[in-house]
Amino acid sequence: MGDHIFLKVLGVTLLLIVAALLIPAGQPPEEYRNLPWQIEVMDDGSSRVFGVHLGASTLDQVEQQFQEPSEVSMFATDDGERVVEAFFNSVTLSGLKSKIVATLGFSDAQLQAMFDRGERISTLAQGKRKISLSGQDMQLTRMTPVVALTYLPRVNLQESVVIKRFGQPAEKIAEAGGQKEHWLYPDKGLDVVMDKNAKEVLQYVAPRDFEQLRRPLLEHASPEHGKTSDQG
């Protein structure tokens, strides 16, 4: 009985994925308007994806859009890098389930003050730390715009599907070790992380902020592969 239910649910999920992939270009029906390749670029260089206007939509508004509460934490590294992220464990958009991480747009000065007020610090792998924010700062996150989204789909995306939906990347950057390669679409504000041993990851920023995403990738690029460009 359990196996039968599982197979039935799996079949429905696969049908939803196939249906989404076959949707032609143009104005989609209402139930298919928050798909990963539907990126609206604004005249000011910002963008909208999954119904989220990057740089404008606050965390409160994003939670309403996703109909899912988030878990908010600060992360810090030994070299001084700090970021506040909101983690959505299960989001269903246009019938597709995923995990999504939203990066909040705080200045360096704000991040330092929030770090100093942090209530608890947990040590993670590779010198990374997780900081529980104070109650005051948790309230502040509610009104802060989301500046980036990381989309972790439940299914693997084949290269052919990525090319069909986004086109050829303007640039490819291979990470050291060769396991991951970043396919960059600066005009869309998109980085598709192609992983040989795991599911792909899609990172979205406003196109005007794309260099902030690209620069760290170059610093950690594979010396064997460096960066390559594929135009067209």
C-alpha atoms as a PDB file:
ATOM      1  CA  MET A   1       0.000   0.000   0.000  1.00  0.00           C
ATOM      2  CA  GLY A   2       2.781   2.438   0.982  1.00  0.00           C
ATOM      3  CA  ASP A   3       4.776   1.674  -2.174  1.00  0.00           C
ATOM      4  CA  HIS A   4       1.681   2.240  -4.316  1.00  0.00           C
ATOM      5  CA  ILE A   5       1.081   5.686  -2.766  1.00  0.00           C
ATOM      6  CA  PHE A   6       4.753   6.619  -3.170  1.00  0.00           C
ATOM      7  CA  LEU A   7       4.765   5.667  -6.857  1.00  0.00           C
ATOM      8  CA  LYS A   8       1.541   7.572  -7.450  1.00  0.00           C
ATOM      9  CA  VAL A   9       2.961  10.737  -5.833  1.00  0.00           C
ATOM     10  CA  LEU A  10       6.217  10.332  -7.748  1.00  0.00           C
ATOM     11  CA  GLY A  11       4.282   9.992 -11.006  1.00  0.00           C
ATOM     12  CA  VAL A  12       2.338  13.198 -10.341  1.00  0.00           C
ATOM     13  CA  THR A  13       5.553  15.068  -9.491  1.00  0.00           C
ATOM     14  CA  LEU A  14       7.252  13.940 -12.682  1.00  0.00           C
ATOM     15  CA  LEU A  15       4.226  14.981 -14.735  1.00  0.00           C
ATOM     16  CA  LEU A  16       4.353  18.465 -13.184  1.00  0.00           C
ATOM     17  CA  ILE A  17       8.049  18.797 -13.972  1.00  0.00           C
ATOM     18  CA  VAL A  18       7.599  17.619 -17.562  1.00  0.00           C
ATOM     19  CA  ALA A  19       4.628  19.950 -18.050  1.00  0.00           C
ATOM     20  CA  ALA A  20       6.637  22.903 -16.743  1.00  0.00           C
ATOM     21  CA  LEU A  21       9.560  22.157 -19.041  1.00  0.00           C
ATOM     22  CA  LEU A  22       7.281  21.959 -22.085  1.00  0.00           C
ATOM     23  CA  ILE A  23       5.629  25.332 -21.535  1.00  0.00           C
ATOM     24  CA  PRO A  24       6.371  27.464 -24.620  1.00  0.00           C
ATOM     25  CA  ALA A  25       7.837  30.935 -24.448  1.00  0.00           C
ATOM     26  CA  GLY A  26       5.458  33.843 -24.026  1.00  0.00           C
ATOM     27  CA  GLN A  27       2.849  34.601 -21.394  1.00  0.00           C
ATOM     28  CA  PRO A  28       2.322  31.411 -19.316  1.00  0.00           C
ATOM     29  CA  PRO A  29      -0.898  30.522 -17.520  1.00  0.00           C
ATOM     30  CA  GLU A  30      -1.261  31.746 -13.943  1.00  0.00           C
ATOM     31  CA  GLU A  31      -0.192  28.433 -12.387  1.00  0.00           C
ATOM     32  CA  TYR A  32       3.157  28.546 -14.228  1.00  0.00           C
ATOM     33  CA  ARG A  33       4.321  32.111 -13.560  1.00  0.00           C
ATOM     34  CA  ASN A  34       7.003  31.473 -10.940  1.00  0.00           C
ATOM     35  CA  LEU A  35       9.357  29.128 -12.761  1.00  0.00           C
ATOM     36  CA  PRO A  36      13.171  29.339 -12.420  1.00  0.00           C
ATOM     37  CA  TRP A  37      13.733  30.707 -15.945  1.00  0.00           C
ATOM     38  CA  GLN A  38      11.100  33.441 -15.706  1.00  0.00           C
ATOM     39  CA  ILE A  39      13.330  36.392 -14.815  1.00  0.00           C
ATOM     40  CA  GLU A  40      12.009  39.912 -15.330  1.00  0.00           C
ATOM     41  CA  VAL A  41      14.770  42.525 -15.670  1.00  0.00           C
ATOM     42  CA  MET A  42      13.787  46.071 -14.736  1.00  0.00           C
ATOM     43  CA  ASP A  43      14.945  49.319 -16.343  1.00  0.00           C
ATOM     44  CA  ASP A  44      16.911  50.219 -13.198  1.00  0.00           C
ATOM     45  CA  GLY A  45      18.999  47.022 -13.393  1.00  0.00           C
ATOM     46  CA  SER A  46      17.072  45.155 -10.720  1.00  0.00           C
ATOM     47  CA  SER A  47      15.102  41.986 -11.417  1.00  0.00           C
ATOM     48  CA  ARG A  48      12.106  39.964 -10.317  1.00  0.00           C
ATOM     49  CA  VAL A  49      12.079  36.170  -9.984  1.00  0.00           C
ATOM     50  CA  PHE A  50       9.596  33.875  -8.191  1.00  0.00           C
ATOM     51  CA  GLY A  51       7.519  36.991  -7.546  1.00  0.00           C
ATOM     52  CA  VAL A  52      10.381  38.558  -5.541  1.00  0.00           C
ATOM     53  CA  HIS A  53      11.724  41.971  -6.600  1.00  0.00           C
ATOM     54  CA  LEU A  54      15.406  41.704  -5.661  1.00  0.00           C
ATOM     55  CA  GLY A  55      16.534  44.745  -3.713  1.00  0.00           C
ATOM     56  CA  ALA A  56      12.960  45.858  -2.997  1.00  0.00           C
ATOM     57  CA  SER A  57      10.858  42.993  -1.584  1.00  0.00           C
ATOM     58  CA  THR A  58      11.285  42.714   2.190  1.00  0.00           C
ATOM     59  CA  LEU A  59      11.644  39.413   4.021  1.00  0.00           C
ATOM     60  CA  ASP A  60       8.064  39.781   5.276  1.00  0.00           C
ATOM     61  CA  GLN A  61       6.837  40.127   1.695  1.00  0.00           C
ATOM     62  CA  VAL A  62       8.938  37.168   0.523  1.00  0.00           C
ATOM     63  CA  GLU A  63       7.493  34.929   3.240  1.00  0.00           C
ATOM     64  CA  GLN A  64       4.015  35.937   2.117  1.00  0.00           C
ATOM     65  CA  GLN A  65       4.918  35.192  -1.498  1.00  0.00           C
ATOM     66  CA  PHE A  66       6.355  31.772  -0.674  1.00  0.00           C
ATOM     67  CA  GLN A  67       3.646  31.054   1.935  1.00  0.00           C
ATOM     68  CA  GLU A  68       6.380  29.616   4.107  1.00  0.00           C
ATOM     69  CA  PRO A  69       8.150  30.881   7.251  1.00  0.00           C
ATOM     70  CA  SER A  70      11.925  31.155   7.151  1.00  0.00           C
ATOM     71  CA  GLU A  71      14.765  30.461   9.559  1.00  0.00           C
ATOM     72  CA  VAL A  72      16.986  33.546   9.829  1.00  0.00           C
ATOM     73  CA  SER A  73      20.649  33.379  10.877  1.00  0.00           C
ATOM     74  CA  MET A  74      23.905  35.241  10.428  1.00  0.00           C
ATOM     75  CA  PHE A  75      26.961  33.408   9.104  1.00  0.00           C
ATOM     76  CA  ALA A  76      30.536  34.590   9.577  1.00  0.00           C
ATOM     77  CA  THR A  77      33.942  33.398   8.406  1.00  0.00           C
ATOM     78  CA  ASP A  78      37.389  33.819   9.924  1.00  0.00           C
ATOM     79  CA  ASP A  79      38.339  36.339   7.215  1.00  0.00           C
ATOM     80  CA  GLY A  80      35.578  38.714   8.339  1.00  0.00           C
ATOM     81  CA  GLU A  81      32.878  37.910   5.802  1.00  0.00           C
ATOM     82  CA  ARG A  82      29.373  38.182   7.262  1.00  0.00           C
ATOM     83  CA  VAL A  83      25.940  37.599   5.769  1.00  0.00           C
ATOM     84  CA  VAL A  84      22.368  37.290   7.047  1.00  0.00           C
ATOM     85  CA  GLU A  85      20.313  34.596   5.338  1.00  0.00           C
ATOM     86  CA  ALA A  86      16.718  33.406   5.541  1.00  0.00           C
ATOM     87  CA  PHE A  87      16.320  29.684   4.833  1.00  0.00           C
ATOM     88  CA  PHE A  88      13.077  28.324   3.371  1.00  0.00           C
ATOM     89  CA  ASN A  89      13.044  24.572   3.842  1.00  0.00           C
ATOM     90  CA  SER A  90      10.132  23.739   1.551  1.00  0.00           C
ATOM     91  CA  VAL A  91       8.713  26.079  -1.085  1.00  0.00           C
ATOM     92  CA  THR A  92       6.279  25.015  -3.798  1.00  0.00           C
ATOM     93  CA  LEU A  93       6.123  27.308  -6.828  1.00  0.00           C
ATOM     94  CA  SER A  94       4.193  26.384  -9.963  1.00  0.00           C
ATOM     95  CA  GLY A  95       4.007  22.814  -8.687  1.00  0.00           C
ATOM     96  CA  LEU A  96       7.780  22.465  -8.236  1.00  0.00           C
ATOM     97  CA  LYS A  97       9.234  21.969  -4.764  1.00  0.00           C
ATOM     98  CA  SER A  98      12.569  23.424  -3.700  1.00  0.00           C
ATOM     99  CA  LYS A  99      14.599  24.860  -0.877  1.00  0.00           C
ATOM    100  CA  ILE A 100      15.426  28.571  -1.159  1.00  0.00           C
ATOM    101  CA  VAL A 101      17.951  30.758   0.655  1.00  0.00           C
ATOM    102  CA  ALA A 102      17.337  34.516   0.670  1.00  0.00           C
ATOM    103  CA  THR A 103      20.229  36.906   1.341  1.00  0.00           C
ATOM    104  CA  LEU A 104      19.264  40.119   3.134  1.00  0.00           C
ATOM    105  CA  GLY A 105      20.675  43.487   2.102  1.00  0.00           C
ATOM    106  CA  PHE A 106      22.545  44.793   5.134  1.00  0.00           C
ATOM    107  CA  SER A 107      25.536  47.122   4.964  1.00  0.00           C
ATOM    108  CA  ASP A 108      28.929  46.108   6.387  1.00  0.00           C
ATOM    109  CA  ALA A 109      28.383  48.450   9.344  1.00  0.00           C
ATOM    110  CA  GLN A 110      24.991  46.925  10.092  1.00  0.00           C
ATOM    111  CA  LEU A 111      26.403  43.402   9.872  1.00  0.00           C
ATOM    112  CA  GLN A 112      29.199  44.274  12.311  1.00  0.00           C
ATOM    113  CA  ALA A 113      26.739  45.720  14.827  1.00  0.00           C
ATOM    114  CA  MET A 114      24.456  42.688  14.479  1.00  0.00           C
ATOM    115  CA  PHE A 115      27.433  40.364  14.962  1.00  0.00           C
ATOM    116  CA  ASP A 116      28.385  42.214  18.158  1.00  0.00           C
ATOM    117  CA  ARG A 117      24.825  41.887  19.466  1.00  0.00           C
ATOM    118  CA  GLY A 118      24.558  38.194  18.545  1.00  0.00           C
ATOM    119  CA  GLU A 119      23.157  36.010  21.310  1.00  0.00           C
ATOM    120  CA  ARG A 120      24.779  32.670  20.485  1.00  0.00           C
ATOM    121  CA  ILE A 121      27.608  31.490  18.229  1.00  0.00           C
ATOM    122  CA  SER A 122      27.929  27.951  16.869  1.00  0.00           C
ATOM    123  CA  THR A 123      31.084  26.745  15.119  1.00  0.00           C
ATOM    124  CA  LEU A 124      30.519  25.041  11.773  1.00  0.00           C
ATOM    125  CA  ALA A 125      32.906  23.378   9.338  1.00  0.00           C
ATOM    126  CA  GLN A 126      35.842  25.155   7.661  1.00  0.00           C
ATOM    127  CA  GLY A 127      36.003  28.033  10.105  1.00  0.00           C
ATOM    128  CA  LYS A 128      32.427  29.141   9.508  1.00  0.00           C
ATOM    129  CA  ARG A 129      30.249  30.297  12.388  1.00  0.00           C
ATOM    130  CA  LYS A 130      26.485  30.602  12.794  1.00  0.00           C
ATOM    131  CA  ILE A 131      25.225  33.487  14.912  1.00  0.00           C
ATOM    132  CA  SER A 132      21.760  33.682  16.467  1.00  0.00           C
ATOM    133  CA  LEU A 133      20.556  37.270  16.138  1.00  0.00           C
ATOM    134  CA  SER A 134      19.179  39.366  18.990  1.00  0.00           C
ATOM    135  CA  GLY A 135      15.447  39.942  19.211  1.00  0.00           C
ATOM    136  CA  GLN A 136      15.936  43.526  18.078  1.00  0.00           C
ATOM    137  CA  ASP A 137      17.831  42.446  14.981  1.00  0.00           C
ATOM    138  CA  MET A 138      15.354  39.677  14.180  1.00  0.00           C
ATOM    139  CA  GLN A 139      12.673  42.353  14.007  1.00  0.00           C
ATOM    140  CA  LEU A 140      14.914  44.407  11.714  1.00  0.00           C
ATOM    141  CA  THR A 141      15.247  41.506   9.273  1.00  0.00           C
ATOM    142  CA  ARG A 142      11.485  41.555   8.679  1.00  0.00           C
ATOM    143  CA  MET A 143      11.698  44.994   7.052  1.00  0.00           C
ATOM    144  CA  THR A 144      14.947  44.409   5.133  1.00  0.00           C
ATOM    145  CA  PRO A 145      14.976  43.821   1.353  1.00  0.00           C
ATOM    146  CA  VAL A 146      16.120  40.513  -0.095  1.00  0.00           C
ATOM    147  CA  VAL A 147      19.041  41.111  -2.480  1.00  0.00           C
ATOM    148  CA  ALA A 148      19.763  37.549  -3.648  1.00  0.00           C
ATOM    149  CA  LEU A 149      18.065  34.169  -3.892  1.00  0.00           C
ATOM    150  CA  THR A 150      19.640  30.717  -4.019  1.00  0.00           C
ATOM    151  CA  TYR A 151      17.292  28.120  -5.506  1.00  0.00           C
ATOM    152  CA  LEU A 152      17.932  24.451  -4.710  1.00  0.00           C
ATOM    153  CA  PRO A 153      15.625  22.291  -6.851  1.00  0.00           C
ATOM    154  CA  ARG A 154      14.546  18.793  -5.860  1.00  0.00           C
ATOM    155  CA  VAL A 155      15.554  17.419  -9.286  1.00  0.00           C
ATOM    156  CA  ASN A 156      18.734  17.490 -11.358  1.00  0.00           C
ATOM    157  CA  LEU A 157      18.771  19.899 -14.286  1.00  0.00           C
ATOM    158  CA  GLN A 158      20.389  18.501 -17.412  1.00  0.00           C
ATOM    159  CA  GLU A 159      22.723  20.777 -19.363  1.00  0.00           C
ATOM    160  CA  SER A 160      20.370  20.620 -22.333  1.00  0.00           C
ATOM    161  CA  VAL A 161      17.484  21.896 -20.182  1.00  0.00           C
ATOM    162  CA  VAL A 162      19.575  24.761 -18.801  1.00  0.00           C
ATOM    163  CA  ILE A 163      20.600  25.794 -22.328  1.00  0.00           C
ATOM    164  CA  LYS A 164      17.033  25.493 -23.609  1.00  0.00           C
ATOM    165  CA  ARG A 165      15.654  27.727 -20.876  1.00  0.00           C
ATOM    166  CA  PHE A 166      18.497  30.223 -20.347  1.00  0.00           C
ATOM    167  CA  GLY A 167      20.551  29.986 -23.529  1.00  0.00           C
ATOM    168  CA  GLN A 168      24.315  29.587 -23.740  1.00  0.00           C
ATOM    169  CA  PRO A 169      26.123  31.150 -20.755  1.00  0.00           C
ATOM    170  CA  ALA A 170      28.183  34.278 -21.362  1.00  0.00           C
ATOM    171  CA  GLU A 171      30.962  32.780 -19.241  1.00  0.00           C
ATOM    172  CA  LYS A 172      31.889  29.555 -17.475  1.00  0.00           C
ATOM    173  CA  ILE A 173      34.089  29.447 -14.390  1.00  0.00           C
ATOM    174  CA  ALA A 174      35.300  26.100 -13.056  1.00  0.00           C
ATOM    175  CA  GLU A 175      36.040  25.815  -9.346  1.00  0.00           C
ATOM    176  CA  ALA A 176      39.283  24.331  -8.077  1.00  0.00           C
ATOM    177  CA  GLY A 177      38.932  20.551  -8.088  1.00  0.00           C
ATOM    178  CA  GLY A 178      36.774  20.557 -11.194  1.00  0.00           C
ATOM    179  CA  GLN A 179      33.599  19.262  -9.513  1.00  0.00           C
ATOM    180  CA  LYS A 180      31.606  22.464  -9.952  1.00  0.00           C
ATOM    181  CA  GLU A 181      31.323  24.846 -12.874  1.00  0.00           C
ATOM    182  CA  HIS A 182      29.491  28.154 -12.781  1.00  0.00           C
ATOM    183  CA  TRP A 183      27.468  29.090 -15.854  1.00  0.00           C
ATOM    184  CA  LEU A 184      27.084  32.862 -15.771  1.00  0.00           C
ATOM    185  CA  TYR A 185      24.274  34.945 -17.287  1.00  0.00           C
ATOM    186  CA  PRO A 186      25.072  38.563 -16.305  1.00  0.00           C
ATOM    187  CA  ASP A 187      22.159  40.032 -18.294  1.00  0.00           C
ATOM    188  CA  LYS A 188      19.792  37.912 -16.178  1.00  0.00           C
ATOM    189  CA  GLY A 189      21.713  38.197 -12.901  1.00  0.00           C
ATOM    190  CA  LEU A 190      21.996  34.408 -12.819  1.00  0.00           C
ATOM    191  CA  ASP A 191      24.671  31.879 -11.856  1.00  0.00           C
ATOM    192  CA  VAL A 192      23.796  28.237 -12.538  1.00  0.00           C
ATOM    193  CA  VAL A 193      26.120  25.996 -10.533  1.00  0.00           C
ATOM    194  CA  MET A 194      26.591  22.759 -12.492  1.00  0.00           C
ATOM    195  CA  ASP A 195      27.736  20.024 -10.105  1.00  0.00           C
ATOM    196  CA  LYS A 196      29.007  16.619 -11.245  1.00  0.00           C
ATOM    197  CA  ASN A 197      28.071  14.901  -7.979  1.00  0.00           C
ATOM    198  CA  ALA A 198      25.037  16.821  -6.738  1.00  0.00           C
ATOM    199  CA  LYS A 199      21.958  18.704  -7.859  1.00  0.00           C
ATOM    200  CA  GLU A 200      22.392  21.998  -9.631  1.00  0.00           C
ATOM    201  CA  VAL A 201      21.976  25.307  -7.782  1.00  0.00           C
ATOM    202  CA  LEU A 202      20.635  28.565  -9.242  1.00  0.00           C
ATOM    203  CA  GLN A 203      21.794  31.861  -7.739  1.00  0.00           C
ATOM    204  CA  TYR A 204      19.928  35.068  -8.586  1.00  0.00           C
ATOM    205  CA  VAL A 205      21.022  38.679  -8.031  1.00  0.00           C
ATOM    206  CA  ALA A 206      20.005  41.940  -9.663  1.00  0.00           C
ATOM    207  CA  PRO A 207      21.930  42.249 -12.972  1.00  0.00           C
ATOM    208  CA  ARG A 208      23.361  45.590 -11.796  1.00  0.00           C
ATOM    209  CA  ASP A 209      24.989  43.727  -8.853  1.00  0.00           C
ATOM    210  CA  PHE A 210      26.269  40.780 -10.873  1.00  0.00           C
ATOM    211  CA  GLU A 211      29.961  41.668 -10.573  1.00  0.00           C
ATOM    212  CA  GLN A 212      29.704  41.223  -6.794  1.00  0.00           C
ATOM    213  CA  LEU A 213      28.720  37.603  -7.430  1.00  0.00           C
ATOM    214  CA  ARG A 214      31.276  37.012 -10.196  1.00  0.00           C
ATOM    215  CA  ARG A 215      34.377  38.453  -8.510  1.00  0.00           C
ATOM    216  CA  PRO A 216      34.686  35.821  -5.731  1.00  0.00           C
ATOM    217  CA  LEU A 217      34.261  33.058  -8.321  1.00  0.00           C
ATOM    218  CA  LEU A 218      37.285  34.314 -10.217  1.00  0.00           C
ATOM    219  CA  GLU A 219      39.327  34.341  -7.014  1.00  0.00           C
ATOM    220  CA  HIS A 220      38.614  30.636  -6.479  1.00  0.00           C
ATOM    221  CA  ALA A 221      38.673  29.524 -10.098  1.00  0.00           C
ATOM    222  CA  SER A 222      40.448  26.307 -11.056  1.00  0.00           C
ATOM    223  CA  PRO A 223      44.027  27.047 -12.183  1.00  0.00           C
ATOM    224  CA  GLU A 224      43.702  24.233 -14.727  1.00  0.00           C
ATOM    225  CA  HIS A 225      40.547  25.554 -16.331  1.00  0.00           C
ATOM    226  CA  GLY A 226      40.544  29.230 -15.438  1.00  0.00           C
ATOM    227  CA  LYS A 227      37.595  30.948 -16.989  1.00  0.00           C
ATOM    228  CA  THR A 228      36.159  30.217 -20.395  1.00  0.00           C
ATOM    229  CA  SER A 229      33.599  32.028 -22.486  1.00  0.00           C
ATOM    230  CA  ASP A 230      30.806  30.617 -24.616  1.00  0.00           C
ATOM    231  CA  GLN A 231      28.953  33.255 -26.563  1.00  0.00           C
ATOM    232  CA  GLY A 232      25.744  32.783 -28.486  1.00  0.00           C
END
